[in-house]
C-alpha atoms as a PDB file:
ATOM      1  CA  MET A   1     -49.094   8.008 175.048  1.00  0.00           C
ATOM      2  CA  LYS A   2     -52.249   8.286 176.421  1.00  0.00           C
ATOM      3  CA  VAL A   3     -51.803  11.302 178.046  1.00  0.00           C
ATOM      4  CA  LEU A   4     -54.846  13.593 180.750  1.00  0.00           C
ATOM      5  CA  VAL A   5     -54.270  17.584 180.367  1.00  0.00           C
ATOM      6  CA  THR A   6     -55.891  18.676 183.328  1.00  0.00           C
ATOM      7  CA  GLY A   7     -56.808  22.745 181.972  1.00  0.00           C
ATOM      8  CA  HIS A   8     -56.843  21.765 178.990  1.00  0.00           C
ATOM      9  CA  ARG A   9     -59.433  24.201 178.011  1.00  0.00           C
ATOM     10  CA  GLY A  10     -57.179  26.859 178.905  1.00  0.00           C
ATOM     11  CA  TYR A  11     -54.976  29.001 178.128  1.00  0.00           C
ATOM     12  CA  ILE A  12     -51.516  27.028 177.488  1.00  0.00           C
ATOM     13  CA  GLY A  13     -53.993  24.091 177.499  1.00  0.00           C
ATOM     14  CA  SER A  14     -56.414  24.790 174.248  1.00  0.00           C
ATOM     15  CA  VAL A  15     -52.643  25.344 172.743  1.00  0.00           C
ATOM     16  CA  LEU A  16     -51.285  22.419 173.830  1.00  0.00           C
ATOM     17  CA  VAL A  17     -53.752  20.248 173.040  1.00  0.00           C
ATOM     18  CA  PRO A  18     -53.744  20.189 169.060  1.00  0.00           C
ATOM     19  CA  MET A  19     -50.122  19.578 169.249  1.00  0.00           C
ATOM     20  CA  LEU A  20     -50.112  16.864 171.477  1.00  0.00           C
ATOM     21  CA  LEU A  21     -53.074  15.400 168.964  1.00  0.00           C
ATOM     22  CA  ALA A  22     -50.576  15.943 165.885  1.00  0.00           C
ATOM     23  CA  HIS A  23     -48.385  14.328 167.913  1.00  0.00           C
ATOM     24  CA  ASP A  24     -50.332  11.043 168.342  1.00  0.00           C
ATOM     25  CA  HIS A  25     -51.014  10.735 171.365  1.00  0.00           C
ATOM     26  CA  GLU A  26     -54.372   9.938 173.403  1.00  0.00           C
ATOM     27  CA  VAL A  27     -55.528  12.881 174.814  1.00  0.00           C
ATOM     28  CA  HIS A  28     -57.854  13.449 177.527  1.00  0.00           C
ATOM     29  CA  GLY A  29     -59.082  16.937 179.579  1.00  0.00           C
ATOM     30  CA  LEU A  30     -59.708  17.349 182.624  1.00  0.00           C
ATOM     31  CA  ASP A  31     -61.366  20.805 183.049  1.00  0.00           C
ATOM     32  CA  THR A  32     -63.604  23.396 185.185  1.00  0.00           C
ATOM     33  CA  ASP A  33     -64.016  25.585 182.493  1.00  0.00           C
ATOM     34  CA  LEU A  34     -64.585  28.480 184.268  1.00  0.00           C
ATOM     35  CA  PHE A  35     -63.686  30.736 181.110  1.00  0.00           C
ATOM     36  CA  SER A  36     -65.822  28.556 179.137  1.00  0.00           C
ATOM     37  CA  ALA A  37     -67.532  31.910 178.277  1.00  0.00           C
ATOM     38  CA  CYS A  38     -64.280  33.417 177.115  1.00  0.00           C
ATOM     39  CA  THR A  39     -62.809  32.104 174.195  1.00  0.00           C
ATOM     40  CA  PHE A  40     -61.497  34.611 171.796  1.00  0.00           C
ATOM     41  CA  ASP A  41     -60.396  33.841 168.703  1.00  0.00           C
ATOM     42  CA  GLY A  42     -60.729  29.952 167.123  1.00  0.00           C
ATOM     43  CA  GLU A  43     -62.289  26.714 168.234  1.00  0.00           C
ATOM     44  CA  LEU A  44     -60.520  24.798 171.150  1.00  0.00           C
ATOM     45  CA  ALA A  45     -59.681  20.739 169.767  1.00  0.00           C
ATOM     46  CA  THR A  46     -62.384  18.033 171.315  1.00  0.00           C
ATOM     47  CA  VAL A  47     -61.272  15.272 172.772  1.00  0.00           C
ATOM     48  CA  PRO A  48     -63.091  13.411 175.312  1.00  0.00           C
ATOM     49  CA  GLU A  49     -63.051  15.411 178.476  1.00  0.00           C
ATOM     50  CA  LEU A  50     -64.654  15.690 182.075  1.00  0.00           C
ATOM     51  CA  ILE A  51     -65.690  19.142 183.588  1.00  0.00           C
ATOM     52  CA  GLY A  52     -65.051  18.998 186.813  1.00  0.00           C
ATOM     53  CA  ASP A  53     -62.658  20.680 189.358  1.00  0.00           C
ATOM     54  CA  VAL A  54     -59.174  18.790 190.052  1.00  0.00           C
ATOM     55  CA  ARG A  55     -59.871  19.086 194.088  1.00  0.00           C
ATOM     56  CA  ASP A  56     -62.740  16.117 193.062  1.00  0.00           C
ATOM     57  CA  VAL A  57     -61.341  13.865 191.044  1.00  0.00           C
ATOM     58  CA  ALA A  58     -61.399  10.791 191.900  1.00  0.00           C
ATOM     59  CA  ILE A  59     -58.787   8.012 191.692  1.00  0.00           C
ATOM     60  CA  ASP A  60     -60.112   5.996 188.588  1.00  0.00           C
ATOM     61  CA  GLN A  61     -60.062   9.132 186.400  1.00  0.00           C
ATOM     62  CA  VAL A  62     -56.594   8.704 186.284  1.00  0.00           C
ATOM     63  CA  ALA A  63     -56.093   5.024 186.367  1.00  0.00           C
ATOM     64  CA  GLY A  64     -55.110   4.166 183.252  1.00  0.00           C
ATOM     65  CA  PHE A  65     -53.201   6.929 181.896  1.00  0.00           C
ATOM     66  CA  ASP A  66     -49.348   6.731 181.016  1.00  0.00           C
ATOM     67  CA  ALA A  67     -49.128  10.567 181.603  1.00  0.00           C
ATOM     68  CA  ILE A  68     -50.556  13.081 183.834  1.00  0.00           C
ATOM     69  CA  ILE A  69     -50.158  16.854 182.545  1.00  0.00           C
ATOM     70  CA  HIS A  70     -51.306  19.121 184.778  1.00  0.00           C
ATOM     71  CA  LEU A  71     -51.653  23.094 184.220  1.00  0.00           C
ATOM     72  CA  ALA A  72     -54.956  23.587 185.922  1.00  0.00           C
ATOM     73  CA  GLY A  73     -54.914  26.235 188.403  1.00  0.00           C
ATOM     74  CA  LEU A  74     -55.553  29.901 189.328  1.00  0.00           C
ATOM     75  CA  SER A  75     -53.545  31.398 186.907  1.00  0.00           C
ATOM     76  CA  ASN A  76     -52.699  35.115 187.965  1.00  0.00           C
ATOM     77  CA  ASP A  77     -51.461  37.365 190.310  1.00  0.00           C
ATOM     78  CA  PRO A  78     -54.598  38.987 190.405  1.00  0.00           C
ATOM     79  CA  LEU A  79     -56.712  35.686 191.432  1.00  0.00           C
ATOM     80  CA  GLY A  80     -54.098  34.601 193.833  1.00  0.00           C
ATOM     81  CA  ASP A  81     -54.404  38.330 196.033  1.00  0.00           C
ATOM     82  CA  TYR A  82     -58.702  38.254 195.485  1.00  0.00           C
ATOM     83  CA  ASN A  83     -58.258  34.954 198.206  1.00  0.00           C
ATOM     84  CA  PRO A  84     -54.775  33.382 199.187  1.00  0.00           C
ATOM     85  CA  SER A  85     -56.611  30.835 200.707  1.00  0.00           C
ATOM     86  CA  LEU A  86     -58.340  29.501 197.255  1.00  0.00           C
ATOM     87  CA  THR A  87     -54.801  29.535 195.893  1.00  0.00           C
ATOM     88  CA  GLU A  88     -54.104  27.376 198.444  1.00  0.00           C
ATOM     89  CA  ASP A  89     -56.648  25.002 197.931  1.00  0.00           C
ATOM     90  CA  ILE A  90     -56.651  24.625 194.256  1.00  0.00           C
ATOM     91  CA  ASN A  91     -53.172  25.851 193.426  1.00  0.00           C
ATOM     92  CA  HIS A  92     -51.028  23.775 196.462  1.00  0.00           C
ATOM     93  CA  GLN A  93     -53.771  21.405 198.234  1.00  0.00           C
ATOM     94  CA  GLY A  94     -55.081  19.691 194.726  1.00  0.00           C
ATOM     95  CA  SER A  95     -51.785  19.632 192.714  1.00  0.00           C
ATOM     96  CA  ALA A  96     -50.286  17.452 195.447  1.00  0.00           C
ATOM     97  CA  ARG A  97     -53.009  15.398 195.759  1.00  0.00           C
ATOM     98  CA  LEU A  98     -54.346  14.608 192.849  1.00  0.00           C
ATOM     99  CA  ALA A  99     -50.195  13.562 192.642  1.00  0.00           C
ATOM    100  CA  ARG A 100     -50.192  11.379 195.121  1.00  0.00           C
ATOM    101  CA  LEU A 101     -53.440   9.779 193.371  1.00  0.00           C
ATOM    102  CA  ALA A 102     -51.750   9.569 190.307  1.00  0.00           C
ATOM    103  CA  LYS A 103     -49.240   7.334 191.562  1.00  0.00           C
ATOM    104  CA  GLU A 104     -51.390   5.233 193.549  1.00  0.00           C
ATOM    105  CA  ALA A 105     -53.243   5.049 190.261  1.00  0.00           C
ATOM    106  CA  GLY A 106     -49.749   2.989 188.681  1.00  0.00           C
ATOM    107  CA  VAL A 107     -49.776   6.341 186.271  1.00  0.00           C
ATOM    108  CA  GLN A 108     -45.872   6.559 184.973  1.00  0.00           C
ATOM    109  CA  ARG A 109     -45.302  10.598 184.412  1.00  0.00           C
ATOM    110  CA  PHE A 110     -46.042  13.479 186.042  1.00  0.00           C
ATOM    111  CA  LEU A 111     -46.029  16.563 183.882  1.00  0.00           C
ATOM    112  CA  PHE A 112     -46.049  20.040 186.514  1.00  0.00           C
ATOM    113  CA  ALA A 113     -46.759  23.376 185.598  1.00  0.00           C
ATOM    114  CA  SER A 114     -44.978  25.020 187.699  1.00  0.00           C
ATOM    115  CA  SER A 115     -43.649  29.095 186.701  1.00  0.00           C
ATOM    116  CA  CYS A 116     -40.288  30.973 187.323  1.00  0.00           C
ATOM    117  CA  SER A 117     -42.418  33.218 189.661  1.00  0.00           C
ATOM    118  CA  ASN A 118     -41.046  30.519 191.618  1.00  0.00           C
ATOM    119  CA  TYR A 119     -38.128  32.762 192.266  1.00  0.00           C
ATOM    120  CA  GLY A 120     -39.869  36.373 192.687  1.00  0.00           C
ATOM    121  CA  GLY A 121     -38.356  38.789 193.630  1.00  0.00           C
ATOM    122  CA  GLY A 122     -34.597  37.177 192.047  1.00  0.00           C
ATOM    123  CA  GLY A 123     -32.637  40.731 191.587  1.00  0.00           C
ATOM    124  CA  GLN A 124     -30.637  41.829 187.926  1.00  0.00           C
ATOM    125  CA  ASP A 125     -28.613  37.440 187.890  1.00  0.00           C
ATOM    126  CA  PHE A 126     -29.506  34.848 185.119  1.00  0.00           C
ATOM    127  CA  LEU A 127     -31.037  32.071 187.689  1.00  0.00           C
ATOM    128  CA  ASP A 128     -30.836  28.942 186.715  1.00  0.00           C
ATOM    129  CA  GLU A 129     -32.811  26.222 188.336  1.00  0.00           C
ATOM    130  CA  ASN A 130     -30.967  26.107 191.181  1.00  0.00           C
ATOM    131  CA  ALA A 131     -31.330  29.331 192.360  1.00  0.00           C
ATOM    132  CA  ARG A 132     -33.083  29.698 195.568  1.00  0.00           C
ATOM    133  CA  PHE A 133     -37.013  29.860 195.211  1.00  0.00           C
ATOM    134  CA  ASN A 134     -38.098  33.889 196.342  1.00  0.00           C
ATOM    135  CA  PRO A 135     -41.685  34.081 195.301  1.00  0.00           C
ATOM    136  CA  VAL A 136     -43.370  37.185 195.866  1.00  0.00           C
ATOM    137  CA  THR A 137     -47.077  36.206 195.227  1.00  0.00           C
ATOM    138  CA  PRO A 138     -49.611  33.820 197.215  1.00  0.00           C
ATOM    139  CA  TYR A 139     -49.500  32.025 193.213  1.00  0.00           C
ATOM    140  CA  GLY A 140     -45.734  31.652 193.345  1.00  0.00           C
ATOM    141  CA  VAL A 141     -46.216  30.925 196.828  1.00  0.00           C
ATOM    142  CA  SER A 142     -48.031  27.459 196.130  1.00  0.00           C
ATOM    143  CA  LYS A 143     -46.006  27.143 192.206  1.00  0.00           C
ATOM    144  CA  VAL A 144     -43.035  26.407 194.768  1.00  0.00           C
ATOM    145  CA  GLU A 145     -45.358  23.897 197.703  1.00  0.00           C
ATOM    146  CA  VAL A 146     -46.383  22.050 194.955  1.00  0.00           C
ATOM    147  CA  GLU A 147     -43.064  21.575 194.059  1.00  0.00           C
ATOM    148  CA  ARG A 148     -42.031  20.526 197.438  1.00  0.00           C
ATOM    149  CA  ALA A 149     -44.575  18.626 197.943  1.00  0.00           C
ATOM    150  CA  VAL A 150     -44.303  16.247 194.913  1.00  0.00           C
ATOM    151  CA  GLY A 151     -40.712  15.811 194.882  1.00  0.00           C
ATOM    152  CA  PRO A 152     -40.446  13.309 197.266  1.00  0.00           C
ATOM    153  CA  MET A 153     -43.126  11.424 195.814  1.00  0.00           C
ATOM    154  CA  THR A 154     -40.601  10.524 192.558  1.00  0.00           C
ATOM    155  CA  SER A 155     -39.483   7.233 192.554  1.00  0.00           C
ATOM    156  CA  ASP A 156     -38.464   4.538 190.313  1.00  0.00           C
ATOM    157  CA  ASP A 157     -43.143   3.957 189.848  1.00  0.00           C
ATOM    158  CA  PHE A 158     -43.813   7.793 188.892  1.00  0.00           C
ATOM    159  CA  SER A 159     -41.356  10.128 187.945  1.00  0.00           C
ATOM    160  CA  PRO A 160     -42.516  14.128 188.351  1.00  0.00           C
ATOM    161  CA  THR A 161     -41.069  16.888 186.205  1.00  0.00           C
ATOM    162  CA  PHE A 162     -41.650  20.100 186.726  1.00  0.00           C
ATOM    163  CA  LEU A 163     -41.468  23.078 184.271  1.00  0.00           C
ATOM    164  CA  ARG A 164     -40.777  26.154 185.123  1.00  0.00           C
ATOM    165  CA  ALA A 165     -41.587  29.003 182.095  1.00  0.00           C
ATOM    166  CA  SER A 166     -40.978  32.080 181.560  1.00  0.00           C
ATOM    167  CA  THR A 167     -43.470  34.555 181.793  1.00  0.00           C
ATOM    168  CA  ALA A 168     -45.558  33.531 178.770  1.00  0.00           C
ATOM    169  CA  TYR A 169     -47.409  35.020 175.849  1.00  0.00           C
ATOM    170  CA  GLY A 170     -49.616  35.286 172.353  1.00  0.00           C
ATOM    171  CA  MET A 171     -52.268  34.174 170.736  1.00  0.00           C
ATOM    172  CA  SER A 172     -54.641  31.403 171.989  1.00  0.00           C
ATOM    173  CA  PRO A 173     -58.303  30.541 172.319  1.00  0.00           C
ATOM    174  CA  ARG A 174     -59.149  31.459 175.412  1.00  0.00           C
ATOM    175  CA  ILE A 175     -56.451  34.305 175.676  1.00  0.00           C
ATOM    176  CA  ARG A 176     -55.159  36.201 178.267  1.00  0.00           C
ATOM    177  CA  PHE A 177     -54.997  39.425 178.491  1.00  0.00           C
ATOM    178  CA  ASP A 178     -53.599  39.693 181.978  1.00  0.00           C
ATOM    179  CA  LEU A 179     -50.184  38.632 180.830  1.00  0.00           C
ATOM    180  CA  VAL A 180     -47.516  42.296 180.009  1.00  0.00           C
ATOM    181  CA  VAL A 181     -47.209  40.978 176.293  1.00  0.00           C
ATOM    182  CA  ASN A 182     -50.797  40.522 175.693  1.00  0.00           C
ATOM    183  CA  ASN A 183     -51.556  43.168 178.056  1.00  0.00           C
ATOM    184  CA  LEU A 184     -49.722  46.414 175.840  1.00  0.00           C
ATOM    185  CA  THR A 185     -50.401  45.550 172.553  1.00  0.00           C
ATOM    186  CA  ALA A 186     -53.786  45.310 173.518  1.00  0.00           C
ATOM    187  CA  TRP A 187     -54.087  48.202 175.249  1.00  0.00           C
ATOM    188  CA  ALA A 188     -51.726  50.202 171.952  1.00  0.00           C
ATOM    189  CA  PHE A 189     -53.938  49.248 169.760  1.00  0.00           C
ATOM    190  CA  THR A 190     -56.962  49.945 171.409  1.00  0.00           C
ATOM    191  CA  THR A 191     -56.563  52.556 172.765  1.00  0.00           C
ATOM    192  CA  GLY A 192     -53.019  54.067 171.068  1.00  0.00           C
ATOM    193  CA  GLU A 193     -51.240  54.220 174.531  1.00  0.00           C
ATOM    194  CA  VAL A 194     -48.479  51.483 175.881  1.00  0.00           C
ATOM    195  CA  HIS A 195     -50.017  51.491 179.223  1.00  0.00           C
ATOM    196  CA  LEU A 196     -47.125  50.647 181.736  1.00  0.00           C
ATOM    197  CA  LYS A 197     -48.575  50.254 185.305  1.00  0.00           C
ATOM    198  CA  SER A 198     -44.985  49.850 186.673  1.00  0.00           C
ATOM    199  CA  ASP A 199     -41.748  52.229 185.756  1.00  0.00           C
ATOM    200  CA  GLY A 200     -40.949  49.724 183.586  1.00  0.00           C
ATOM    201  CA  SER A 201     -37.684  48.996 185.414  1.00  0.00           C
ATOM    202  CA  PRO A 202     -38.073  44.888 186.086  1.00  0.00           C
ATOM    203  CA  TRP A 203     -36.863  41.725 184.310  1.00  0.00           C
ATOM    204  CA  ARG A 204     -38.560  38.945 182.781  1.00  0.00           C
ATOM    205  CA  PRO A 205     -38.044  36.296 180.848  1.00  0.00           C
ATOM    206  CA  LEU A 206     -40.767  35.978 178.389  1.00  0.00           C
ATOM    207  CA  VAL A 207     -42.178  32.804 176.356  1.00  0.00           C
ATOM    208  CA  HIS A 208     -44.838  32.302 173.683  1.00  0.00           C
ATOM    209  CA  VAL A 209     -47.723  30.447 174.775  1.00  0.00           C
ATOM    210  CA  ALA A 210     -46.951  28.006 171.888  1.00  0.00           C
ATOM    211  CA  ASP A 211     -43.177  26.846 172.876  1.00  0.00           C
ATOM    212  CA  ILE A 212     -44.324  26.415 176.149  1.00  0.00           C
ATOM    213  CA  ALA A 213     -46.769  23.694 174.505  1.00  0.00           C
ATOM    214  CA  ARG A 214     -43.643  22.689 172.266  1.00  0.00           C
ATOM    215  CA  ALA A 215     -41.362  21.981 176.171  1.00  0.00           C
ATOM    216  CA  TYR A 216     -44.601  19.734 177.017  1.00  0.00           C
ATOM    217  CA  VAL A 217     -44.100  17.560 173.987  1.00  0.00           C
ATOM    218  CA  ALA A 218     -40.690  17.525 174.222  1.00  0.00           C
ATOM    219  CA  ILE A 219     -40.629  16.575 177.874  1.00  0.00           C
ATOM    220  CA  LEU A 220     -42.857  14.043 177.517  1.00  0.00           C
ATOM    221  CA  GLU A 221     -41.339  11.878 174.570  1.00  0.00           C
ATOM    222  CA  ALA A 222     -38.137  12.573 176.174  1.00  0.00           C
ATOM    223  CA  ASP A 223     -36.192   9.704 177.584  1.00  0.00           C
ATOM    224  CA  ARG A 224     -37.078   9.235 181.211  1.00  0.00           C
ATOM    225  CA  GLU A 225     -34.131   9.371 182.661  1.00  0.00           C
ATOM    226  CA  LEU A 226     -33.840  12.601 180.963  1.00  0.00           C
ATOM    227  CA  VAL A 227     -36.411  13.915 183.269  1.00  0.00           C
ATOM    228  CA  HIS A 228     -36.936  11.883 186.226  1.00  0.00           C
ATOM    229  CA  GLY A 229     -37.237  14.163 189.155  1.00  0.00           C
ATOM    230  CA  LYS A 230     -36.758  17.337 187.378  1.00  0.00           C
ATOM    231  CA  ALA A 231     -36.848  21.278 186.900  1.00  0.00           C
ATOM    232  CA  PHE A 232     -36.737  23.230 183.968  1.00  0.00           C
ATOM    233  CA  ASN A 233     -37.078  26.592 183.141  1.00  0.00           C
ATOM    234  CA  VAL A 234     -38.910  27.248 180.123  1.00  0.00           C
ATOM    235  CA  GLY A 235     -38.385  29.498 177.774  1.00  0.00           C
ATOM    236  CA  THR A 236     -34.897  30.874 175.540  1.00  0.00           C
ATOM    237  CA  THR A 237     -31.634  32.988 178.068  1.00  0.00           C
ATOM    238  CA  SER A 238     -31.813  35.614 175.029  1.00  0.00           C
ATOM    239  CA  GLU A 239     -35.610  36.293 175.845  1.00  0.00           C
ATOM    240  CA  ASN A 240     -34.913  37.723 178.884  1.00  0.00           C
ATOM    241  CA  TYR A 241     -36.647  42.011 178.951  1.00  0.00           C
ATOM    242  CA  GLN A 242     -36.997  45.080 181.333  1.00  0.00           C
ATOM    243  CA  ILE A 243     -40.602  45.329 180.873  1.00  0.00           C
ATOM    244  CA  ARG A 244     -40.046  49.155 178.931  1.00  0.00           C
ATOM    245  CA  GLU A 245     -38.209  47.752 176.755  1.00  0.00           C
ATOM    246  CA  VAL A 246     -41.367  45.545 175.967  1.00  0.00           C
ATOM    247  CA  ALA A 247     -42.821  48.973 175.670  1.00  0.00           C
ATOM    248  CA  GLU A 248     -40.970  49.912 173.177  1.00  0.00           C
ATOM    249  CA  ILE A 249     -41.164  46.939 171.049  1.00  0.00           C
ATOM    250  CA  VAL A 250     -45.165  47.190 171.124  1.00  0.00           C
ATOM    251  CA  HIS A 251     -44.504  51.231 170.537  1.00  0.00           C
ATOM    252  CA  ASP A 252     -42.416  50.253 167.059  1.00  0.00           C
ATOM    253  CA  VAL A 253     -45.332  47.486 165.779  1.00  0.00           C
ATOM    254  CA  VAL A 254     -48.512  49.004 166.731  1.00  0.00           C
ATOM    255  CA  PRO A 255     -49.095  51.871 164.494  1.00  0.00           C
ATOM    256  CA  ASN A 256     -50.440  55.431 166.372  1.00  0.00           C
ATOM    257  CA  CYS A 257     -49.716  54.284 169.653  1.00  0.00           C
ATOM    258  CA  GLU A 258     -47.351  56.727 172.347  1.00  0.00           C
ATOM    259  CA  ILE A 259     -45.760  55.041 175.431  1.00  0.00           C
ATOM    260  CA  GLY A 260     -47.168  55.764 179.074  1.00  0.00           C
ATOM    261  CA  PHE A 261     -47.630  55.139 182.240  1.00  0.00           C
ATOM    262  CA  ALA A 262     -49.780  54.971 185.115  1.00  0.00           C
ATOM    263  CA  GLU A 263     -50.479  57.480 187.614  1.00  0.00           C
ATOM    264  CA  GLY A 264     -48.462  56.489 190.398  1.00  0.00           C
ATOM    265  CA  ALA A 265     -46.078  53.877 189.037  1.00  0.00           C
ATOM    266  CA  GLU A 266     -43.527  52.321 190.484  1.00  0.00           C
ATOM    267  CA  PRO A 267     -40.988  49.429 190.564  1.00  0.00           C
ATOM    268  CA  ASP A 268     -42.792  46.025 190.527  1.00  0.00           C
ATOM    269  CA  LYS A 269     -41.057  43.213 193.030  1.00  0.00           C
ATOM    270  CA  ARG A 270     -41.646  40.811 190.846  1.00  0.00           C
ATOM    271  CA  CYS A 271     -37.401  41.288 188.809  1.00  0.00           C
ATOM    272  CA  TYR A 272     -36.197  37.838 187.796  1.00  0.00           C
ATOM    273  CA  ARG A 273     -33.915  37.206 184.895  1.00  0.00           C
ATOM    274  CA  VAL A 274     -34.050  33.400 183.904  1.00  0.00           C
ATOM    275  CA  ASP A 275     -30.916  31.168 182.334  1.00  0.00           C
ATOM    276  CA  CYS A 276     -32.648  28.110 180.518  1.00  0.00           C
ATOM    277  CA  ASN A 277     -30.441  26.025 178.971  1.00  0.00           C
ATOM    278  CA  LEU A 278     -30.639  23.331 180.617  1.00  0.00           C
ATOM    279  CA  LEU A 279     -33.765  22.379 179.048  1.00  0.00           C
ATOM    280  CA  SER A 280     -32.631  22.972 175.545  1.00  0.00           C
ATOM    281  CA  ARG A 281     -29.024  20.782 176.475  1.00  0.00           C
ATOM    282  CA  THR A 282     -31.058  18.097 177.832  1.00  0.00           C
ATOM    283  CA  VAL A 283     -34.428  17.860 175.756  1.00  0.00           C
ATOM    284  CA  HIS A 284     -33.085  18.224 172.042  1.00  0.00           C
ATOM    285  CA  GLY A 285     -36.261  18.074 170.863  1.00  0.00           C
ATOM    286  CA  PHE A 286     -37.084  20.906 172.261  1.00  0.00           C
ATOM    287  CA  LYS A 287     -36.932  23.998 169.566  1.00  0.00           C
ATOM    288  CA  PRO A 288     -38.323  27.213 170.568  1.00  0.00           C
ATOM    289  CA  GLN A 289     -39.548  29.436 167.705  1.00  0.00           C
ATOM    290  CA  TRP A 290     -40.715  32.361 168.841  1.00  0.00           C
ATOM    291  CA  THR A 291     -39.231  36.251 169.608  1.00  0.00           C
ATOM    292  CA  VAL A 292     -41.546  38.851 171.378  1.00  0.00           C
ATOM    293  CA  ARG A 293     -41.605  41.051 168.622  1.00  0.00           C
ATOM    294  CA  ARG A 294     -42.953  38.101 166.325  1.00  0.00           C
ATOM    295  CA  GLY A 295     -45.372  37.410 169.440  1.00  0.00           C
ATOM    296  CA  VAL A 296     -45.945  41.696 169.373  1.00  0.00           C
ATOM    297  CA  GLU A 297     -46.738  41.216 165.191  1.00  0.00           C
ATOM    298  CA  GLN A 298     -49.111  38.470 165.779  1.00  0.00           C
ATOM    299  CA  LEU A 299     -51.043  39.671 168.543  1.00  0.00           C
ATOM    300  CA  LEU A 300     -52.166  42.687 166.569  1.00  0.00           C
ATOM    301  CA  GLU A 301     -53.295  40.746 163.661  1.00  0.00           C
ATOM    302  CA  ALA A 302     -55.629  38.431 165.873  1.00  0.00           C
ATOM    303  CA  TYR A 303     -56.839  42.606 167.741  1.00  0.00           C
ATOM    304  CA  GLN A 304     -57.285  43.720 164.390  1.00  0.00           C
ATOM    305  CA  ARG A 305     -59.258  40.784 162.843  1.00  0.00           C
ATOM    306  CA  VAL A 306     -61.048  40.183 165.949  1.00  0.00           C
ATOM    307  CA  GLY A 307     -62.117  44.195 166.415  1.00  0.00           C
ATOM    308  CA  LEU A 308     -60.712  43.890 170.202  1.00  0.00           C
ATOM    309  CA  THR A 309     -62.241  46.768 172.055  1.00  0.00           C
ATOM    310  CA  LEU A 310     -61.068  48.059 175.293  1.00  0.00           C
ATOM    311  CA  ASP A 311     -64.036  47.160 176.910  1.00  0.00           C
ATOM    312  CA  ASP A 312     -62.924  43.439 176.065  1.00  0.00           C
ATOM    313  CA  PHE A 313     -59.908  42.808 177.521  1.00  0.00           C
ATOM    314  CA  GLU A 314     -60.442  45.682 179.935  1.00  0.00           C
ATOM    315  CA  GLY A 315     -63.960  44.217 180.884  1.00  0.00           C
ATOM    316  CA  PRO A 316     -65.096  40.773 183.039  1.00  0.00           C
ATOM    317  CA  ARG A 317     -65.905  39.497 179.038  1.00  0.00           C
ATOM    318  CA  PHE A 318     -62.031  38.844 179.149  1.00  0.00           C
ATOM    319  CA  LYS A 319     -60.837  39.346 182.490  1.00  0.00           C
ATOM    320  CA  ARG A 320     -59.692  36.565 183.981  1.00  0.00           C
ATOM    321  CA  ILE A 321     -60.402  38.305 187.501  1.00  0.00           C
ATOM    322  CA  GLY A 322     -63.606  40.596 186.230  1.00  0.00           C
ATOM    323  CA  HIS A 323     -65.121  37.192 184.577  1.00  0.00           C
ATOM    324  CA  VAL A 324     -64.616  34.741 188.388  1.00  0.00           C
ATOM    325  CA  LYS A 325     -66.397  37.838 190.456  1.00  0.00           C
ATOM    326  CA  GLU A 326     -69.090  38.208 188.259  1.00  0.00           C
ATOM    327  CA  LEU A 327     -70.056  34.795 188.250  1.00  0.00           C
ATOM    328  CA  LEU A 328     -69.574  34.836 191.775  1.00  0.00           C
ATOM    329  CA  ASP A 329     -71.611  37.845 191.662  1.00  0.00           C
ATOM    330  CA  SER A 330     -74.401  36.186 189.727  1.00  0.00           C
ATOM    331  CA  GLY A 331     -74.050  32.707 191.589  1.00  0.00           C
ATOM    332  CA  ARG A 332     -73.500  30.569 189.318  1.00  0.00           C
ATOM    333  CA  LEU A 333     -69.885  30.236 191.767  1.00  0.00           C
ATOM    334  CA  ASP A 334     -70.193  29.228 195.015  1.00  0.00           C
ATOM    335  CA  THR A 335     -66.879  31.108 197.332  1.00  0.00           C
ATOM    336  CA  THR A 336     -64.810  27.859 196.614  1.00  0.00           C
ATOM    337  CA  LEU A 337     -64.770  28.123 192.933  1.00  0.00           C
ATOM    338  CA  ARG A 338     -66.922  25.475 192.517  1.00  0.00           C
ATOM    339  CA  TRP A 339     -70.079  25.803 189.431  1.00  0.00           C
ATOM    340  CA  THR A 340     -73.531  25.644 191.133  1.00  0.00           C
ATOM    341  CA  GLN A 341     -76.419  23.601 190.525  1.00  0.00           C
ATOM    342  CA  THR A 342     -77.627  26.708 188.461  1.00  0.00           C
ATOM    343  CA  GLN A 343     -74.540  25.787 185.942  1.00  0.00           C
ATOM    344  CA  ASN A 344     -75.365  24.366 182.923  1.00  0.00           C
ATOM    345  CA  THR A 345     -71.987  23.679 180.632  1.00  0.00           C
END
């Protein structure tokens, strides 16, 4: 299958692309590559690509593909909170526009990177795909709005599927340190403290980035009628944790560390447990392989090998919001987060 992956150079994309290639798909990429200087470990797969903003895509650039896997967007809550209007512009309006272009161009399949952040303040109960949306951040709101915009486009000729990923963790060439498992393991390794920024009580579904990639491959290769116009929670139901449980796992795995709390740590307003059984019941090719404990072990080995420092993951080298602000301050990005003419990619 000829597949366009937007955000192919990002945290998930840099894991997904090699997996698609291994399944003999013809992969092309589209990425603005805001984090070109942020490769942590390993190399990115080489595929035909366009370095550009998803908001500026033309119809001829999406024509001829059998499927689009749309990952591109502002990827975390700090970036979303920094300028909510940009999250609306890029994540919501840009994604809806891309879907409209894809449908007009005759692209049959459209796999959208939605999120369990849609459920936001979901409480203690297990939530399936029919649960009420309750996003509590601009990022979560943007994902809900894309589902509401793209869902009605479903037709005999255009088949969207919405992958609501649990909170990701695990190694990727373009690792994110703002994600809870990656972050707690990094704090423990570099400082000897599993540094909790909340009181540890909120629930969160967790899924390894490689298992997210497996879900995309499985859904792409599934019979169309099984996934046509549907949403799936991506993860494993047994992999729902309270944040303090994650901290205890990190404490068990990382030598010589203790659990500590940031000053004024309070409950996080994001709290939800997710039922992920629909995906495994519907798409038998999806077989997740990771647990949080194994993921922490993987992260620790990588941090040791690379020699991660506190300045690396808390500073602009790898921290998403810090890196973007540095690019803005240097004039390499304009206020819409597009590269200026001084950028040389």
